[in-house]
Amino acid sequence: MSFSDELRARSADLWEAQHAHPFVRGIADGTLDPRCFEHYVRQDYVFLIEYARLLALGAARAPDLETMRRFADLAQAILGEEMELHRGSPAT
């Protein structure tokens, strides 16, 4: 068994619970109230702002240039790409 197969097997209960969650099921079958999804998108936008700050702090406190670059690249991906998806959506 591969390492990823082992991890998947160990997390089977959690995996199933996540897929059975009403929010996920509602997205899958089209029954999710659009207001619930809009709330999720707004909350995700707020999370991304704070996550980008955390990544920037990681870059500032990195012990070496390689680690600094990794944190900076992740922050850039959030600020320059991920959040752009939100800014282009009507929910934000």
C-alpha atoms as a PDB file:
ATOM      1  CA  MET A   1       0.000   0.000   0.000  1.00  0.00           C
ATOM      2  CA  SER A   2       1.367   3.431  -0.913  1.00  0.00           C
ATOM      3  CA  PHE A   3       1.772   6.139   1.695  1.00  0.00           C
ATOM      4  CA  SER A   4      -1.089   8.162   0.193  1.00  0.00           C
ATOM      5  CA  ASP A   5      -3.320   5.059   0.144  1.00  0.00           C
ATOM      6  CA  GLU A   6      -2.510   4.486   3.801  1.00  0.00           C
ATOM      7  CA  LEU A   7      -3.351   8.091   4.694  1.00  0.00           C
ATOM      8  CA  ARG A   8      -6.610   7.859   2.732  1.00  0.00           C
ATOM      9  CA  ALA A   9      -7.564   4.626   4.500  1.00  0.00           C
ATOM     10  CA  ARG A  10      -6.817   6.098   7.919  1.00  0.00           C
ATOM     11  CA  SER A  11      -8.960   9.136   7.199  1.00  0.00           C
ATOM     12  CA  ALA A  12     -11.899   7.298   5.621  1.00  0.00           C
ATOM     13  CA  ASP A  13     -14.368   8.392   8.327  1.00  0.00           C
ATOM     14  CA  LEU A  14     -13.372  12.039   8.012  1.00  0.00           C
ATOM     15  CA  TRP A  15     -13.413  11.816   4.217  1.00  0.00           C
ATOM     16  CA  GLU A  16     -16.957  10.444   4.262  1.00  0.00           C
ATOM     17  CA  ALA A  17     -18.127  13.037   6.817  1.00  0.00           C
ATOM     18  CA  GLN A  18     -16.786  15.869   4.658  1.00  0.00           C
ATOM     19  CA  HIS A  19     -18.543  14.545   1.568  1.00  0.00           C
ATOM     20  CA  ALA A  20     -21.778  14.039   3.514  1.00  0.00           C
ATOM     21  CA  HIS A  21     -21.800  17.601   4.897  1.00  0.00           C
ATOM     22  CA  PRO A  22     -24.981  19.458   3.870  1.00  0.00           C
ATOM     23  CA  PHE A  23     -22.991  22.344   2.359  1.00  0.00           C
ATOM     24  CA  VAL A  24     -20.977  20.002   0.122  1.00  0.00           C
ATOM     25  CA  ARG A  25     -24.053  17.947  -0.758  1.00  0.00           C
ATOM     26  CA  GLY A  26     -25.969  21.125  -1.596  1.00  0.00           C
ATOM     27  CA  ILE A  27     -23.251  22.251  -3.975  1.00  0.00           C
ATOM     28  CA  ALA A  28     -23.128  18.798  -5.554  1.00  0.00           C
ATOM     29  CA  ASP A  29     -26.864  18.442  -6.118  1.00  0.00           C
ATOM     30  CA  GLY A  30     -27.684  22.090  -6.761  1.00  0.00           C
ATOM     31  CA  THR A  31     -29.873  22.588  -3.684  1.00  0.00           C
ATOM     32  CA  LEU A  32     -27.565  24.890  -1.711  1.00  0.00           C
ATOM     33  CA  ASP A  33     -29.208  28.229  -0.964  1.00  0.00           C
ATOM     34  CA  PRO A  34     -27.227  30.814  -2.945  1.00  0.00           C
ATOM     35  CA  ARG A  35     -27.106  33.023   0.168  1.00  0.00           C
ATOM     36  CA  CYS A  36     -25.165  30.275   1.971  1.00  0.00           C
ATOM     37  CA  PHE A  37     -22.648  30.105  -0.846  1.00  0.00           C
ATOM     38  CA  GLU A  38     -22.360  33.904  -0.926  1.00  0.00           C
ATOM     39  CA  HIS A  39     -21.652  33.890   2.822  1.00  0.00           C
ATOM     40  CA  TYR A  40     -18.968  31.236   2.299  1.00  0.00           C
ATOM     41  CA  VAL A  41     -17.288  33.267  -0.468  1.00  0.00           C
ATOM     42  CA  ARG A  42     -17.258  36.400   1.694  1.00  0.00           C
ATOM     43  CA  GLN A  43     -15.777  34.508   4.639  1.00  0.00           C
ATOM     44  CA  ASP A  44     -13.180  32.892   2.394  1.00  0.00           C
ATOM     45  CA  TYR A  45     -12.115  36.339   1.161  1.00  0.00           C
ATOM     46  CA  VAL A  46     -11.570  37.509   4.742  1.00  0.00           C
ATOM     47  CA  PHE A  47      -9.647  34.304   5.490  1.00  0.00           C
ATOM     48  CA  LEU A  48      -7.416  34.819   2.450  1.00  0.00           C
ATOM     49  CA  ILE A  49      -6.456  38.313   3.596  1.00  0.00           C
ATOM     50  CA  GLU A  50      -5.339  36.994   6.970  1.00  0.00           C
ATOM     51  CA  TYR A  51      -3.660  33.968   5.400  1.00  0.00           C
ATOM     52  CA  ALA A  52      -1.640  36.259   3.102  1.00  0.00           C
ATOM     53  CA  ARG A  53      -0.544  38.248   6.149  1.00  0.00           C
ATOM     54  CA  LEU A  54       0.556  35.058   7.867  1.00  0.00           C
ATOM     55  CA  LEU A  55       2.551  34.009   4.808  1.00  0.00           C
ATOM     56  CA  ALA A  56       4.193  37.440   4.646  1.00  0.00           C
ATOM     57  CA  LEU A  57       5.206  37.087   8.290  1.00  0.00           C
ATOM     58  CA  GLY A  58       6.630  33.692   7.460  1.00  0.00           C
ATOM     59  CA  ALA A  59       8.727  35.299   4.713  1.00  0.00           C
ATOM     60  CA  ALA A  60       9.906  38.026   7.081  1.00  0.00           C
ATOM     61  CA  ARG A  61      10.955  35.509   9.717  1.00  0.00           C
ATOM     62  CA  ALA A  62      12.335  32.819   7.432  1.00  0.00           C
ATOM     63  CA  PRO A  63      15.744  31.463   8.416  1.00  0.00           C
ATOM     64  CA  ASP A  64      17.057  31.339   4.843  1.00  0.00           C
ATOM     65  CA  LEU A  65      16.393  32.672   1.352  1.00  0.00           C
ATOM     66  CA  GLU A  66      14.856  29.454   0.038  1.00  0.00           C
ATOM     67  CA  THR A  67      12.249  29.427   2.801  1.00  0.00           C
ATOM     68  CA  MET A  68      11.701  33.178   2.399  1.00  0.00           C
ATOM     69  CA  ARG A  69      11.066  32.710  -1.321  1.00  0.00           C
ATOM     70  CA  ARG A  70       8.604  29.887  -0.682  1.00  0.00           C
ATOM     71  CA  PHE A  71       6.550  31.965   1.758  1.00  0.00           C
ATOM     72  CA  ALA A  72       6.699  34.983  -0.559  1.00  0.00           C
ATOM     73  CA  ASP A  73       5.590  32.891  -3.548  1.00  0.00           C
ATOM     74  CA  LEU A  74       2.651  31.526  -1.564  1.00  0.00           C
ATOM     75  CA  ALA A  75       1.651  35.025  -0.446  1.00  0.00           C
ATOM     76  CA  GLN A  76       1.859  36.236  -4.042  1.00  0.00           C
ATOM     77  CA  ALA A  77      -0.315  33.353  -5.224  1.00  0.00           C
ATOM     78  CA  ILE A  78      -2.958  34.306  -2.673  1.00  0.00           C
ATOM     79  CA  LEU A  79      -2.799  38.061  -3.262  1.00  0.00           C
ATOM     80  CA  GLY A  80      -2.337  37.979  -7.019  1.00  0.00           C
ATOM     81  CA  GLU A  81      -4.386  35.012  -8.131  1.00  0.00           C
ATOM     82  CA  GLU A  82      -6.668  33.483  -5.518  1.00  0.00           C
ATOM     83  CA  MET A  83      -8.139  36.774  -4.326  1.00  0.00           C
ATOM     84  CA  GLU A  84      -8.597  37.949  -7.910  1.00  0.00           C
ATOM     85  CA  LEU A  85     -11.138  35.151  -8.323  1.00  0.00           C
ATOM     86  CA  HIS A  86     -13.089  36.637  -5.429  1.00  0.00           C
ATOM     87  CA  ARG A  87     -12.823  40.195  -6.670  1.00  0.00           C
ATOM     88  CA  GLY A  88     -14.281  39.078  -9.982  1.00  0.00           C
ATOM     89  CA  SER A  89     -17.281  37.364  -8.388  1.00  0.00           C
ATOM     90  CA  PRO A  90     -20.566  39.202  -7.709  1.00  0.00           C
ATOM     91  CA  ALA A  91     -20.580  38.025  -4.053  1.00  0.00           C
ATOM     92  CA  THR A  92     -17.710  40.312  -2.965  1.00  0.00           C
END
